[in-house]
Protein backbone atom coordinates (compact mmCIF):
# COMPACT_ATOMS: atom_id res chain seq x y z
CA MET A 1 -4.27 -10.51 16.94
CA GLY A 2 -5.07 -11.40 13.35
CA GLY A 3 -8.63 -12.54 13.94
CA VAL A 4 -9.78 -9.25 15.46
CA ILE A 5 -11.87 -6.93 13.27
CA THR A 6 -12.70 -3.42 14.40
CA GLN A 7 -16.40 -2.66 13.91
CA ALA A 8 -17.99 0.55 12.64
CA ASP A 9 -18.33 1.57 16.27
CA GLY A 10 -14.70 1.88 17.30
CA ASN A 11 -15.55 0.70 20.82
CA LEU A 12 -16.61 -2.75 19.63
CA CYS A 13 -14.82 -5.50 17.71
CA THR A 14 -15.49 -8.88 16.13
CA LEU A 15 -13.44 -11.99 16.89
CA ARG A 16 -13.01 -14.44 14.00
CA LEU A 17 -12.26 -18.08 14.84
CA ARG A 18 -10.11 -20.70 13.15
CA MET A 19 -12.07 -23.59 11.60
CA PRO A 20 -10.32 -25.33 8.68
CA ALA A 21 -12.92 -26.62 6.19
CA GLY A 22 -15.63 -25.26 8.50
CA ILE A 23 -15.39 -28.34 10.73
CA VAL A 24 -16.16 -27.90 14.43
CA SER A 25 -16.98 -30.46 17.12
CA PRO A 26 -20.21 -30.27 19.15
CA GLN A 27 -18.11 -29.57 22.26
CA GLN A 28 -16.32 -26.67 20.55
CA LEU A 29 -19.62 -25.25 19.32
CA ILE A 30 -21.23 -25.47 22.77
CA ALA A 31 -18.20 -23.74 24.32
CA ILE A 32 -18.41 -20.87 21.82
CA GLY A 33 -22.08 -20.38 22.64
CA GLN A 34 -21.48 -20.46 26.37
CA ILE A 35 -18.69 -17.88 26.14
CA ALA A 36 -20.87 -15.61 24.01
CA GLN A 37 -23.72 -15.87 26.52
CA LYS A 38 -21.38 -15.13 29.41
CA TYR A 39 -20.54 -11.77 27.83
CA THR A 40 -24.18 -11.07 26.87
CA ILE A 41 -23.52 -11.51 23.14
CA ASP A 42 -26.82 -12.69 21.68
CA GLU A 43 -25.80 -13.60 18.12
CA LEU A 44 -22.95 -15.22 16.19
CA HIS A 45 -22.04 -14.87 12.52
CA LEU A 46 -21.38 -17.82 10.18
CA THR A 47 -19.03 -16.43 7.52
CA THR A 48 -18.48 -17.17 3.85
CA ARG A 49 -15.05 -18.56 4.76
CA GLN A 50 -16.61 -21.35 6.80
CA THR A 51 -15.83 -19.98 10.22
CA ILE A 52 -17.63 -18.29 13.10
CA GLU A 53 -17.33 -14.68 14.20
CA ILE A 54 -18.26 -13.40 17.63
CA PRO A 55 -19.43 -9.81 17.10
CA HIS A 56 -20.08 -6.82 19.36
CA ILE A 57 -17.24 -7.51 21.80
CA LYS A 58 -16.26 -4.64 24.08
CA THR A 59 -12.57 -3.89 23.62
CA GLN A 60 -11.91 -4.29 27.35
CA ASP A 61 -13.40 -7.82 27.22
CA LEU A 62 -11.41 -8.95 24.17
CA PRO A 63 -8.29 -10.35 25.92
CA GLN A 64 -10.35 -12.42 28.36
CA ILE A 65 -12.71 -13.73 25.68
CA ALA A 66 -9.75 -14.66 23.47
CA ASP A 67 -8.14 -16.57 26.36
CA GLU A 68 -11.38 -18.41 27.09
CA ILE A 69 -11.87 -19.28 23.42
CA CYS A 70 -8.40 -20.85 23.25
CA ALA A 71 -8.87 -22.65 26.58
CA SER A 72 -12.11 -24.19 25.24
CA GLY A 73 -10.34 -26.05 22.43
CA ASN A 74 -11.01 -23.41 19.79
CA ASP A 75 -8.51 -21.00 18.25
CA ILE A 76 -8.35 -17.41 17.02
CA GLY A 77 -8.70 -16.89 13.27
CA ALA A 78 -6.95 -14.71 10.70
CA GLU A 79 -7.97 -11.65 8.73
CA ARG A 80 -4.99 -9.50 7.80
CA ALA A 81 -2.01 -10.09 5.46
CA GLU A 82 -1.72 -13.78 6.24
CA VAL A 83 -3.07 -17.17 5.19
CA VAL A 84 -6.69 -17.10 6.35
CA ASN A 85 -9.18 -19.89 7.09
CA ILE A 86 -8.89 -22.73 4.56
CA THR A 87 -12.27 -23.57 3.02
CA ALA A 88 -13.36 -26.92 1.61
CA CYS A 89 -16.48 -28.83 0.59
CA PRO A 90 -17.38 -32.09 2.46
CA GLY A 91 -15.37 -34.16 -0.03
CA THR A 92 -15.30 -37.95 -0.04
CA ASP A 93 -16.31 -38.06 3.61
CA ARG A 94 -19.93 -37.28 2.69
CA CYS A 95 -20.49 -36.19 -0.91
CA LYS A 96 -21.34 -38.77 -3.59
CA LEU A 97 -19.94 -36.45 -6.28
CA ALA A 98 -16.55 -35.97 -4.61
CA ASN A 99 -13.29 -37.09 -6.19
CA ILE A 100 -10.85 -36.16 -3.39
CA ASP A 101 -10.73 -35.95 0.40
CA SER A 102 -10.94 -32.17 0.46
CA VAL A 103 -11.31 -31.91 4.25
CA HIS A 104 -8.11 -33.86 4.93
CA LEU A 105 -6.22 -31.71 2.43
CA ALA A 106 -7.61 -28.52 4.00
CA ARG A 107 -6.44 -29.63 7.43
CA GLU A 108 -2.97 -30.42 6.12
CA ILE A 109 -2.66 -26.99 4.49
CA ASP A 110 -3.99 -25.41 7.68
CA LYS A 111 -1.29 -27.16 9.76
CA ARG A 112 1.44 -25.84 7.48
CA TYR A 113 0.34 -22.32 6.73
CA PHE A 114 -2.63 -20.97 8.67
CA ARG A 115 -1.94 -17.47 10.01
CA LYS A 116 1.46 -17.33 8.29
CA ASP A 117 2.48 -13.70 7.76
CA MET A 118 2.40 -12.88 4.05
CA PRO A 119 2.78 -9.74 1.89
CA GLY A 120 -1.01 -9.85 1.39
CA LYS A 121 -4.06 -11.88 2.34
CA ILE A 122 -4.01 -15.43 0.95
CA ARG A 123 -7.26 -17.35 0.56
CA ILE A 124 -7.11 -21.07 -0.23
CA ALA A 125 -10.21 -23.07 -1.18
CA ILE A 126 -10.72 -26.72 -2.14
CA SER A 127 -13.56 -28.33 -4.07
CA ALA A 128 -13.66 -32.10 -4.43
CA CYS A 129 -15.13 -31.90 -7.94
CA PRO A 130 -15.74 -29.37 -10.75
CA ASN A 131 -19.12 -28.40 -9.26
CA ALA A 132 -16.97 -25.87 -7.40
CA CYS A 133 -19.14 -25.56 -4.30
CA THR A 134 -16.42 -23.51 -2.58
CA SER A 135 -15.82 -21.25 -5.63
CA GLU A 136 -12.19 -22.31 -5.37
CA SER A 137 -11.16 -20.63 -8.62
CA LEU A 138 -12.17 -17.27 -7.11
CA ASN A 139 -9.44 -17.56 -4.48
CA GLU A 140 -5.76 -16.74 -4.67
CA ILE A 141 -5.13 -20.50 -4.57
CA GLY A 142 -7.77 -22.99 -5.68
CA ILE A 143 -7.71 -26.80 -5.78
CA THR A 144 -10.26 -28.90 -7.69
CA GLY A 145 -10.62 -32.69 -7.60
CA LEU A 146 -10.85 -34.32 -11.05
CA ARG A 147 -11.63 -37.79 -12.39
CA THR A 148 -10.97 -38.38 -16.09
CA PRO A 149 -13.00 -41.24 -17.64
CA ILE A 150 -11.37 -43.98 -19.70
CA ARG A 151 -13.51 -45.67 -22.35
CA LYS A 152 -12.29 -49.01 -23.66
CA PRO A 153 -13.71 -49.99 -27.06
CA GLY A 154 -15.80 -53.12 -26.91
CA TYR A 155 -16.65 -52.93 -23.20
CA CYS A 156 -19.44 -50.34 -23.27
CA THR A 157 -22.95 -51.69 -23.91
CA GLY A 158 -24.17 -48.32 -25.22
CA CYS A 159 -27.08 -48.28 -22.76
CA GLY A 160 -26.89 -44.47 -22.53
CA THR A 161 -27.16 -44.14 -18.74
CA CYS A 162 -24.01 -42.01 -18.57
CA VAL A 163 -25.39 -39.78 -21.32
CA GLN A 164 -28.40 -38.98 -19.16
CA PHE A 165 -26.22 -38.10 -16.16
CA CYS A 166 -23.70 -35.91 -18.02
CA GLN A 167 -24.50 -32.24 -17.36
CA GLU A 168 -22.14 -30.94 -20.06
CA ASP A 169 -23.69 -32.68 -23.09
CA ALA A 170 -20.28 -34.23 -23.60
CA LEU A 171 -21.71 -37.68 -24.38
CA VAL A 172 -23.96 -38.95 -27.16
CA VAL A 173 -25.11 -42.38 -28.33
CA SER A 174 -23.98 -42.99 -31.90
CA GLU A 175 -24.65 -46.30 -33.67
CA GLY A 176 -24.90 -48.16 -30.39
CA SER A 177 -21.74 -46.69 -28.89
CA ILE A 178 -21.05 -43.78 -26.56
CA VAL A 179 -19.02 -40.94 -28.10
CA MET A 180 -17.35 -38.32 -25.91
CA ASP A 181 -16.63 -34.71 -26.81
CA GLN A 182 -13.34 -34.13 -24.96
CA ASP A 183 -13.68 -30.36 -25.26
CA ARG A 184 -16.93 -30.42 -23.29
CA CYS A 185 -15.86 -32.90 -20.61
CA LEU A 186 -15.00 -31.33 -17.23
CA ASP A 187 -13.50 -34.52 -15.75
CA CYS A 188 -16.12 -34.57 -13.02
CA GLY A 189 -16.32 -38.38 -12.96
CA THR A 190 -20.13 -38.48 -12.97
CA CYS A 191 -20.26 -40.80 -15.98
CA VAL A 192 -17.89 -43.23 -14.27
CA ARG A 193 -20.06 -43.40 -11.17
CA SER A 194 -23.29 -43.66 -13.18
CA CYS A 195 -22.28 -46.71 -15.25
CA VAL A 196 -24.73 -49.37 -14.08
CA TYR A 197 -22.42 -52.16 -15.23
CA GLY A 198 -19.25 -50.74 -13.69
CA LEU A 199 -17.46 -50.87 -17.03
CA LEU A 200 -16.16 -47.32 -17.09
CA GLU A 201 -12.72 -46.79 -15.60
CA SER A 202 -10.88 -43.56 -14.88
CA GLU A 203 -7.45 -42.08 -14.63
CA PRO A 204 -6.06 -41.65 -11.09
CA THR A 205 -7.76 -38.87 -9.18
CA ALA A 206 -6.20 -35.52 -10.02
CA TYR A 207 -5.80 -32.17 -8.29
CA ARG A 208 -6.12 -29.12 -10.54
CA ILE A 209 -4.49 -26.07 -8.97
CA THR A 210 -5.32 -22.53 -10.01
CA PHE A 211 -3.77 -19.24 -8.96
CA GLY A 212 -4.82 -15.62 -9.10
CA GLY A 213 -8.55 -15.75 -8.45
CA ARG A 214 -10.42 -13.18 -6.40
CA ARG A 215 -13.89 -12.16 -5.30
CA GLY A 216 -14.89 -8.60 -4.49
CA ARG A 217 -15.85 -5.72 -6.72
CA HIS A 218 -13.70 -7.01 -9.58
CA PRO A 219 -14.01 -10.82 -9.48
CA LYS A 220 -11.48 -12.85 -11.45
CA VAL A 221 -11.20 -16.56 -12.19
CA GLY A 222 -7.82 -18.01 -11.31
CA MET A 223 -5.46 -19.27 -14.01
CA HIS A 224 -4.56 -22.95 -14.34
CA LEU A 225 -1.14 -23.55 -12.85
CA ILE A 226 -0.68 -27.32 -12.79
CA THR A 227 -2.60 -30.56 -12.31
CA VAL A 228 -1.07 -33.35 -10.21
CA ASN A 229 -2.15 -36.87 -9.28
CA SER A 230 -1.76 -37.02 -5.50
CA GLU A 231 -2.41 -35.04 -2.34
CA GLU A 232 1.31 -35.14 -1.56
CA ALA A 233 2.12 -33.50 -4.90
CA ALA A 234 -0.63 -30.92 -4.36
CA LEU A 235 0.92 -30.00 -1.01
CA LEU A 236 4.32 -29.61 -2.70
CA VAL A 237 2.76 -27.20 -5.18
CA ILE A 238 1.18 -25.19 -2.34
CA ASP A 239 4.60 -25.07 -0.66
CA GLU A 240 6.11 -23.59 -3.81
CA ILE A 241 3.31 -21.04 -4.29
CA ILE A 242 3.51 -19.81 -0.70
CA ASP A 243 7.30 -19.50 -0.90
CA TRP A 244 7.07 -17.63 -4.24
CA ILE A 245 4.55 -15.13 -2.89
CA TYR A 246 6.47 -14.66 0.35
CA ARG A 247 9.71 -13.97 -1.50
CA TYR A 248 8.56 -11.77 -4.35
CA ALA A 249 5.21 -10.13 -3.65
CA ARG A 250 5.06 -6.52 -2.52
CA ILE A 251 3.55 -5.60 0.83
CA GLY A 252 0.26 -3.74 0.85
CA VAL A 253 -0.82 -4.52 -2.72
CA PRO A 254 -3.46 -7.23 -3.37
CA ILE A 255 -1.70 -10.34 -4.61
CA VAL A 256 -3.76 -10.62 -7.80
CA GLN A 257 -2.87 -7.07 -8.81
CA GLN A 258 0.83 -8.01 -8.74
CA LEU A 259 0.60 -10.62 -11.50
CA GLY A 260 2.82 -9.51 -14.34
CA VAL A 261 4.54 -6.97 -12.07
CA SER A 262 6.21 -8.33 -8.92
CA LEU A 263 4.89 -11.83 -9.59
CA ASN A 264 5.76 -13.33 -12.97
CA PHE A 265 3.15 -16.08 -13.23
CA GLU A 266 4.30 -17.49 -16.58
CA GLU A 267 7.88 -17.80 -15.39
CA PHE A 268 6.78 -19.45 -12.14
CA LYS A 269 4.51 -21.85 -14.04
CA ALA A 270 7.31 -22.80 -16.43
CA ASN A 271 9.77 -23.51 -13.61
CA LEU A 272 7.36 -25.30 -11.27
CA PRO A 273 7.60 -28.77 -12.93
CA LYS A 274 11.32 -28.82 -12.11
CA LYS A 275 10.42 -28.85 -8.40
CA ILE A 276 7.65 -31.46 -8.56
CA PRO A 277 8.21 -35.19 -9.22
CA ALA A 278 7.68 -35.72 -12.95
CA ASP A 279 5.50 -38.80 -12.43
CA SER A 280 3.04 -36.75 -10.36
CA ILE A 281 2.32 -34.16 -13.07
CA VAL A 282 -0.84 -34.70 -15.11
CA CYS A 283 -1.02 -31.38 -16.93
CA GLN A 284 1.04 -28.17 -16.94
């Protein structure tokens, strides 16, 4: 059972649950609490991967607790060499800074790949904007929602409101006009939303996908793989990444450590556009 973690005391274990994007209904949450109380478990653990763990389970109780968890509308999680819980920020459902529906995307990825056996553990995280609340670039696969502003000469009043909201100092007022430093811009879309006159437009929402990030004792920021302009295209990219890892990665070696060895990232990146509709690619 992938969601079972043996504790320091070999007689006890922890059961990790499945909760894509950390979303759980009140009924599911109540059921988890009731099951924990039934087995005299007095605390639960909210994890960094947006799920719940039930700790201190006696090994003899594990099968029954697992059955009751599944019967309650919940599901067992993942921990080993597999695709583990998909994490995501609230996205456009709740966040005023969001550019994409990160929760919907997380659920779609979960349906396709959660608990899929892989050569190594695969963590996937989604952030609806470059604020990176889920630290998506520190995962094997990261997805970031982008919104690139379009400035049409003659439309802007030069009021400077967007300059005040830009956190990257990418905008300045010069001779009554707004000038953008493209190198500083993160495509967060804040300037577009802040325009009091609604004059700023933007390119279609984009999905930047990175690969090769990791946390742990040697953290590493993932490398840019491709940027696409739709959720459907993003899912196609995830399909290709999962298939590539499954086919070529070695078993028992962390995925990130295989870059340049079993996994030729540059070759994969170069060939990927051939498998994605050309009109969906924003940047390679």
